[in-house]
Amino acid sequence: VSRWPNGIAGRLSAHRSPPLVHTRLSPARPSSTARVFMGSCSRLKDAAALIDSVDVFIFDCDGVIWKGDTLIDGVSAILDMLRAKGKKVFFVTNNSTKSRKGYKGKFTSLGLEVQPEEIFSSSFAAAAYMEQIKFKDSGKKAYVIGETGILEELDLVGVPHLGGPHEKELQPDMSAGGKVEHDHDVGAVIVGFDRYINYHKIQYAQLCINENPGCLFVATNLDAVTHLTDAQEWAGNGAMVGAIKGCTGKEPVLVGKPSPLMIDYIVDKYQIPSRDRICMVGDRLDTDILFGQNNGLKTILTLSGVTTEAKLQSPENKISPDFYVGSIAEFA
């Protein structure tokens, strides 16, 4: 049974990522609901009124629920409070390193009780997109730049694959006459965050895209930076996708935020009647807040992740959330 309601992948198939040089502020698609920055953004003062106006809260994970492997203070109490008030709670993350099963384990390790069906990762989105376009029926394989999350989700939908973390030690032969042999049955290259990316993987991916007719180029997300630890920001999947785009000249199909794919799924599956009763809470202007605005949701920016108050209020910023908070502990 398809994991996506009919029509969602069709809408996604026409969705291509913006040029990577504009990743931080360019919208993923034109939207009449996107807000243009018109002055300072307001800090949330009446949390009770906000909560009363919302039926569904969608939280990003990195920088909102946790940083690295550290739970952000106050998160557990806020999630308990929202559920006690009858609110639906979902977690939508662009991090593709884990599958939904893997994320369930991380939530549990941090003392949070979250159900697998409440978790939507870009690894899940990539696999579900492949399922919806019936990639398995093509008899082709997927080559993965990424980690175990993508591989586990592809296994669940029966898509054969190669690549992934076990190639972290591979080095191409660049002596005279050296070359990388690639599988001509690869019909899609999926690029997710990969802590072990190397030149072999980049070369293999470009050969598949440039030389295999019709080979798809799919990106889980275009995040410029990510949270590997709570000490600093680290280069994100935008760097990996940019390397492949640079040597192929191709634009990827984007399945993570701010693509509409995951919110379309949630609205359709759970029969949510009004998107203005949904609130997206995230730490990134160009993915989380844009994701919410492009899809008609309320938006809250939290300063517990990558975005500072100075950046939010800067005249250069063109994306303004409805409100911002220091962390979601301010929902109390």
Protein backbone atom coordinates (compact mmCIF):
# COMPACT_ATOMS: atom_id res chain seq x y z
CA VAL A 1 0.00 0.00 0.00
CA SER A 2 1.38 3.39 -0.96
CA ARG A 3 2.45 5.52 2.00
CA TRP A 4 1.47 8.75 0.21
CA PRO A 5 -2.06 9.85 -0.65
CA ASN A 6 -2.76 9.98 -4.37
CA GLY A 7 -1.46 13.05 -6.13
CA ILE A 8 1.21 14.12 -3.65
CA ALA A 9 4.14 12.70 -5.57
CA GLY A 10 2.73 14.18 -8.74
CA ARG A 11 2.88 17.61 -7.16
CA LEU A 12 6.39 16.87 -5.94
CA SER A 13 7.70 15.59 -9.28
CA ALA A 14 7.41 19.07 -10.70
CA HIS A 15 9.10 20.60 -7.66
CA ARG A 16 12.74 21.35 -8.25
CA SER A 17 15.09 22.94 -5.81
CA PRO A 18 16.12 26.58 -6.11
CA PRO A 19 19.67 27.42 -7.15
CA LEU A 20 21.95 26.42 -4.30
CA VAL A 21 23.70 29.76 -4.23
CA HIS A 22 20.42 31.18 -2.91
CA THR A 23 19.59 28.30 -0.57
CA ARG A 24 19.47 30.32 2.66
CA LEU A 25 16.68 32.70 1.66
CA SER A 26 15.17 31.63 -1.65
CA PRO A 27 11.68 30.10 -1.42
CA ALA A 28 11.26 26.53 -2.63
CA ARG A 29 8.29 27.59 -4.72
CA PRO A 30 6.30 30.78 -5.25
CA SER A 31 3.60 31.26 -2.63
CA SER A 32 1.03 33.94 -2.01
CA THR A 33 1.16 33.04 1.68
CA ALA A 34 4.86 33.77 2.15
CA ARG A 35 5.39 36.82 4.34
CA VAL A 36 7.77 39.57 3.31
CA PHE A 37 9.79 41.07 6.14
CA MET A 38 8.26 44.43 7.04
CA GLY A 39 10.01 45.44 10.26
CA SER A 40 10.79 43.80 13.56
CA CYS A 41 9.25 40.43 14.42
CA SER A 42 7.35 40.10 17.70
CA ARG A 43 8.29 37.81 20.55
CA LEU A 44 5.45 35.52 21.66
CA LYS A 45 3.76 37.03 24.71
CA ASP A 46 0.40 35.25 24.92
CA ALA A 47 1.25 31.56 24.63
CA ALA A 48 -2.19 30.49 25.89
CA ALA A 49 -3.94 32.32 23.05
CA LEU A 50 -1.62 30.74 20.50
CA ILE A 51 -2.20 27.25 21.87
CA ASP A 52 -5.97 27.78 21.84
CA SER A 53 -5.80 28.77 18.16
CA VAL A 54 -3.87 25.64 17.11
CA ASP A 55 -4.95 22.00 16.81
CA VAL A 56 -1.71 20.59 15.39
CA PHE A 57 1.86 21.45 16.29
CA ILE A 58 4.67 20.40 13.95
CA PHE A 59 8.13 20.59 15.46
CA ASP A 60 11.50 20.47 13.80
CA CYS A 61 13.92 18.36 15.86
CA ASP A 62 17.52 19.59 15.62
CA GLY A 63 17.72 22.94 17.40
CA VAL A 64 14.12 22.75 18.66
CA ILE A 65 13.80 19.49 20.60
CA TRP A 66 17.50 18.74 20.97
CA LYS A 67 20.94 19.98 20.01
CA GLY A 68 23.27 17.14 19.09
CA ASP A 69 22.47 14.52 21.73
CA THR A 70 21.31 17.00 24.39
CA LEU A 71 17.63 17.58 25.11
CA ILE A 72 16.74 21.28 25.23
CA ASP A 73 15.49 22.38 28.65
CA GLY A 74 11.73 22.35 29.16
CA VAL A 75 10.85 20.36 26.05
CA SER A 76 9.41 17.30 27.79
CA ALA A 77 7.02 19.36 29.93
CA ILE A 78 5.79 21.34 26.93
CA LEU A 79 5.05 18.23 24.87
CA ASP A 80 3.18 16.70 27.82
CA MET A 81 1.17 19.90 28.25
CA LEU A 82 0.19 20.09 24.57
CA ARG A 83 -0.92 16.47 24.50
CA ALA A 84 -2.91 16.97 27.72
CA LYS A 85 -4.76 19.77 25.93
CA GLY A 86 -5.65 17.40 23.09
CA LYS A 87 -3.23 18.80 20.52
CA LYS A 88 -1.79 16.59 17.80
CA VAL A 89 2.00 16.70 17.78
CA PHE A 90 4.28 15.74 14.88
CA PHE A 91 8.02 15.93 14.34
CA VAL A 92 9.29 16.79 10.87
CA THR A 93 13.04 16.78 10.36
CA ASN A 94 15.29 17.31 7.38
CA ASN A 95 17.96 15.13 8.96
CA SER A 96 18.14 11.95 6.87
CA THR A 97 20.80 10.11 8.89
CA LYS A 98 18.17 8.07 10.75
CA SER A 99 15.02 6.22 9.72
CA ARG A 100 11.79 6.68 11.64
CA LYS A 101 12.79 3.64 13.72
CA GLY A 102 16.14 5.27 14.41
CA TYR A 103 14.49 8.54 15.44
CA LYS A 104 12.11 6.66 17.72
CA GLY A 105 15.20 5.29 19.48
CA LYS A 106 16.68 8.77 19.84
CA PHE A 107 13.49 10.22 21.31
CA THR A 108 13.35 7.32 23.77
CA SER A 109 16.99 7.77 24.76
CA LEU A 110 16.22 11.39 25.63
CA GLY A 111 13.25 10.38 27.78
CA LEU A 112 10.54 11.40 25.29
CA GLU A 113 7.63 9.12 24.47
CA VAL A 114 6.95 9.58 20.76
CA GLN A 115 5.16 7.20 18.40
CA PRO A 116 6.78 6.25 15.05
CA GLU A 117 3.76 7.60 13.13
CA GLU A 118 4.40 11.03 14.66
CA ILE A 119 7.87 11.19 13.07
CA PHE A 120 8.52 12.38 9.51
CA SER A 121 12.14 12.47 8.39
CA SER A 122 13.54 13.36 4.98
CA SER A 123 14.84 9.77 4.73
CA PHE A 124 11.23 8.60 4.98
CA ALA A 125 10.17 11.22 2.42
CA ALA A 126 12.84 10.10 -0.05
CA ALA A 127 11.78 6.45 0.16
CA ALA A 128 8.08 7.26 -0.01
CA TYR A 129 8.65 9.41 -3.08
CA MET A 130 10.46 6.51 -4.76
CA GLU A 131 7.54 4.26 -3.85
CA GLN A 132 4.95 6.69 -5.20
CA ILE A 133 6.67 7.05 -8.58
CA LYS A 134 6.89 3.23 -8.71
CA PHE A 135 10.65 3.29 -9.02
CA LYS A 136 10.88 -0.36 -7.96
CA ASP A 137 8.90 -1.37 -11.07
CA SER A 138 11.63 0.12 -13.29
CA GLY A 139 14.05 -2.63 -12.24
CA LYS A 140 16.65 0.06 -11.52
CA LYS A 141 18.72 0.68 -8.39
CA ALA A 142 19.29 3.77 -6.29
CA TYR A 143 22.77 5.03 -5.48
CA VAL A 144 22.86 6.67 -2.05
CA ILE A 145 25.13 9.36 -0.74
CA GLY A 146 23.97 9.33 2.85
CA GLU A 147 23.75 7.29 6.00
CA THR A 148 21.75 4.36 7.33
CA GLY A 149 18.43 6.23 7.61
CA ILE A 150 17.93 6.36 3.85
CA LEU A 151 19.00 2.74 3.37
CA GLU A 152 16.61 1.48 6.05
CA GLU A 153 13.68 3.40 4.58
CA LEU A 154 14.45 2.18 1.05
CA ASP A 155 14.50 -1.39 2.36
CA LEU A 156 10.99 -0.91 3.73
CA VAL A 157 9.64 -0.07 0.26
CA GLY A 158 11.71 -2.69 -1.56
CA VAL A 159 13.94 -0.33 -3.54
CA PRO A 160 17.33 -1.95 -4.25
CA HIS A 161 20.26 0.30 -3.47
CA LEU A 162 24.02 0.64 -3.30
CA GLY A 163 26.34 3.19 -1.76
CA GLY A 164 25.92 4.49 1.77
CA PRO A 165 28.22 4.47 4.79
CA HIS A 166 30.19 1.35 3.87
CA GLU A 167 31.88 3.30 1.05
CA LYS A 168 33.50 5.74 3.45
CA GLU A 169 36.99 4.29 2.93
CA LEU A 170 36.85 3.99 -0.87
CA GLN A 171 39.32 6.02 -2.89
CA PRO A 172 39.28 6.20 -6.69
CA ASP A 173 42.27 5.16 -8.77
CA MET A 174 43.54 8.43 -10.21
CA SER A 175 46.76 7.08 -11.66
CA ALA A 176 47.30 7.05 -15.43
CA GLY A 177 44.33 5.30 -17.02
CA GLY A 178 42.48 5.05 -13.71
CA LYS A 179 38.72 5.38 -13.60
CA VAL A 180 35.66 4.59 -11.49
CA GLU A 181 33.41 1.87 -12.87
CA HIS A 182 29.74 2.56 -12.18
CA ASP A 183 26.58 0.49 -12.36
CA HIS A 184 24.59 1.36 -15.48
CA ASP A 185 21.42 0.05 -13.82
CA VAL A 186 21.38 2.93 -11.33
CA GLY A 187 18.24 4.94 -12.08
CA ALA A 188 18.36 7.41 -9.20
CA VAL A 189 20.95 9.14 -7.06
CA ILE A 190 19.67 10.12 -3.62
CA VAL A 191 21.79 12.64 -1.73
CA GLY A 192 21.38 13.01 2.02
CA PHE A 193 23.67 14.21 4.78
CA ASP A 194 26.82 12.08 4.81
CA ARG A 195 29.55 12.48 7.40
CA TYR A 196 31.72 10.19 5.30
CA ILE A 197 31.36 11.82 1.90
CA ASN A 198 34.47 11.44 -0.25
CA TYR A 199 35.67 11.91 -3.81
CA HIS A 200 34.72 8.36 -4.80
CA LYS A 201 31.08 9.01 -3.90
CA ILE A 202 30.99 12.30 -5.76
CA GLN A 203 32.52 10.74 -8.86
CA TYR A 204 30.21 7.72 -8.75
CA ALA A 205 27.14 9.94 -8.42
CA GLN A 206 28.11 12.21 -11.29
CA LEU A 207 28.78 9.23 -13.56
CA CYS A 208 25.32 7.82 -12.82
CA ILE A 209 23.55 11.14 -13.40
CA ASN A 210 25.59 12.19 -16.43
CA GLU A 211 25.89 8.81 -18.19
CA ASN A 212 22.82 6.75 -17.22
CA PRO A 213 19.86 7.91 -19.35
CA GLY A 214 17.01 9.30 -17.26
CA CYS A 215 18.79 8.92 -13.95
CA LEU A 216 16.97 10.91 -11.24
CA PHE A 217 18.72 13.28 -8.83
CA VAL A 218 16.89 13.43 -5.47
CA ALA A 219 17.91 15.58 -2.49
CA THR A 220 16.61 14.95 1.01
CA ASN A 221 17.23 18.60 1.96
CA LEU A 222 19.37 21.66 1.25
CA ASP A 223 20.20 22.74 4.80
CA ALA A 224 23.34 24.86 4.81
CA VAL A 225 24.37 23.86 8.34
CA THR A 226 23.36 21.21 10.86
CA HIS A 227 23.75 20.26 14.54
CA LEU A 228 26.16 17.38 15.01
CA THR A 229 27.09 18.62 18.48
CA ASP A 230 25.81 21.36 20.75
CA ALA A 231 29.15 23.20 20.53
CA GLN A 232 28.98 24.63 16.99
CA GLU A 233 27.30 24.50 13.60
CA TRP A 234 28.52 21.98 11.03
CA ALA A 235 28.28 22.00 7.24
CA GLY A 236 24.93 20.53 6.20
CA ASN A 237 23.52 18.57 3.28
CA GLY A 238 23.52 21.67 1.10
CA ALA A 239 27.26 21.06 0.78
CA MET A 240 26.76 17.47 -0.42
CA VAL A 241 23.97 18.37 -2.84
CA GLY A 242 26.00 21.35 -4.09
CA ALA A 243 28.93 19.09 -4.98
CA ILE A 244 26.71 16.87 -7.12
CA LYS A 245 24.90 19.78 -8.70
CA GLY A 246 28.22 21.39 -9.50
CA CYS A 247 29.52 18.43 -11.51
CA THR A 248 26.25 17.56 -13.24
CA GLY A 249 24.57 20.92 -13.82
CA LYS A 250 21.29 19.27 -12.73
CA GLU A 251 18.71 20.51 -10.24
CA PRO A 252 17.55 17.85 -7.73
CA VAL A 253 14.02 16.94 -6.82
CA LEU A 254 13.70 18.15 -3.22
CA VAL A 255 11.67 15.99 -0.81
CA GLY A 256 12.46 17.65 2.55
CA LYS A 257 11.47 21.07 3.89
CA PRO A 258 10.51 23.52 2.46
CA SER A 259 9.03 21.16 -0.13
CA PRO A 260 5.28 20.64 0.52
CA LEU A 261 5.55 16.85 0.45
CA MET A 262 5.44 16.06 4.16
CA ILE A 263 2.78 18.60 5.13
CA ASP A 264 0.57 17.40 2.27
CA TYR A 265 0.90 13.89 3.66
CA ILE A 266 0.01 14.92 7.22
CA VAL A 267 -3.02 16.98 6.13
CA ASP A 268 -4.34 14.24 3.85
CA LYS A 269 -3.69 11.27 6.16
CA TYR A 270 -5.10 12.89 9.30
CA GLN A 271 -7.91 14.77 7.52
CA ILE A 272 -6.94 18.13 9.03
CA PRO A 273 -9.66 20.53 7.80
CA SER A 274 -7.87 23.86 8.17
CA ARG A 275 -4.19 24.57 7.72
CA ASP A 276 -4.44 27.79 9.69
CA ARG A 277 -5.01 25.59 12.76
CA ILE A 278 -1.53 24.06 12.24
CA CYS A 279 1.60 25.68 13.67
CA MET A 280 5.12 24.97 12.40
CA VAL A 281 7.82 25.45 15.03
CA GLY A 282 11.43 25.51 13.85
CA ASP A 283 14.82 27.13 14.17
CA ARG A 284 15.52 27.84 10.50
CA LEU A 285 14.05 30.68 8.51
CA ASP A 286 14.77 29.26 5.06
CA THR A 287 13.40 25.75 5.69
CA ASP A 288 11.09 25.58 8.73
CA ILE A 289 9.47 29.01 8.56
CA LEU A 290 9.34 29.01 4.75
CA PHE A 291 7.84 25.50 4.89
CA GLY A 292 5.10 26.80 7.17
CA GLN A 293 4.43 29.98 5.21
CA ASN A 294 4.40 28.30 1.81
CA ASN A 295 1.79 25.86 3.09
CA GLY A 296 -0.53 28.27 4.94
CA LEU A 297 0.53 27.39 8.50
CA LYS A 298 1.14 29.54 11.55
CA THR A 299 4.87 29.84 12.21
CA ILE A 300 7.01 30.14 15.33
CA LEU A 301 10.78 30.58 15.17
CA THR A 302 12.80 29.33 18.13
CA LEU A 303 16.20 30.85 18.87
CA SER A 304 17.47 27.63 20.45
CA GLY A 305 18.99 26.50 17.14
CA VAL A 306 20.82 28.11 14.22
CA THR A 307 19.02 31.47 13.98
CA THR A 308 19.98 34.35 16.26
CA GLU A 309 17.72 37.26 17.19
CA ALA A 310 20.12 39.58 15.39
CA LYS A 311 19.77 37.59 12.16
CA LEU A 312 15.99 37.47 12.50
CA GLN A 313 15.69 41.23 12.99
CA SER A 314 18.31 42.09 10.38
CA PRO A 315 17.17 44.23 7.41
CA GLU A 316 18.76 41.60 5.15
CA ASN A 317 16.32 38.95 6.38
CA LYS A 318 13.29 38.62 4.10
CA ILE A 319 11.45 35.86 6.00
CA SER A 320 9.41 36.78 9.08
CA PRO A 321 7.59 34.24 11.30
CA ASP A 322 4.38 35.07 13.12
CA PHE A 323 6.25 35.05 16.43
CA TYR A 324 9.56 33.95 17.89
CA VAL A 325 10.60 32.41 21.21
CA GLY A 326 13.88 31.69 22.94
CA SER A 327 12.88 28.03 23.10
CA ILE A 328 9.59 26.17 23.19
CA ALA A 329 9.77 26.29 26.99
CA GLU A 330 8.14 29.73 26.52
CA PHE A 331 4.91 27.93 25.52
CA ALA A 332 4.30 27.32 29.23
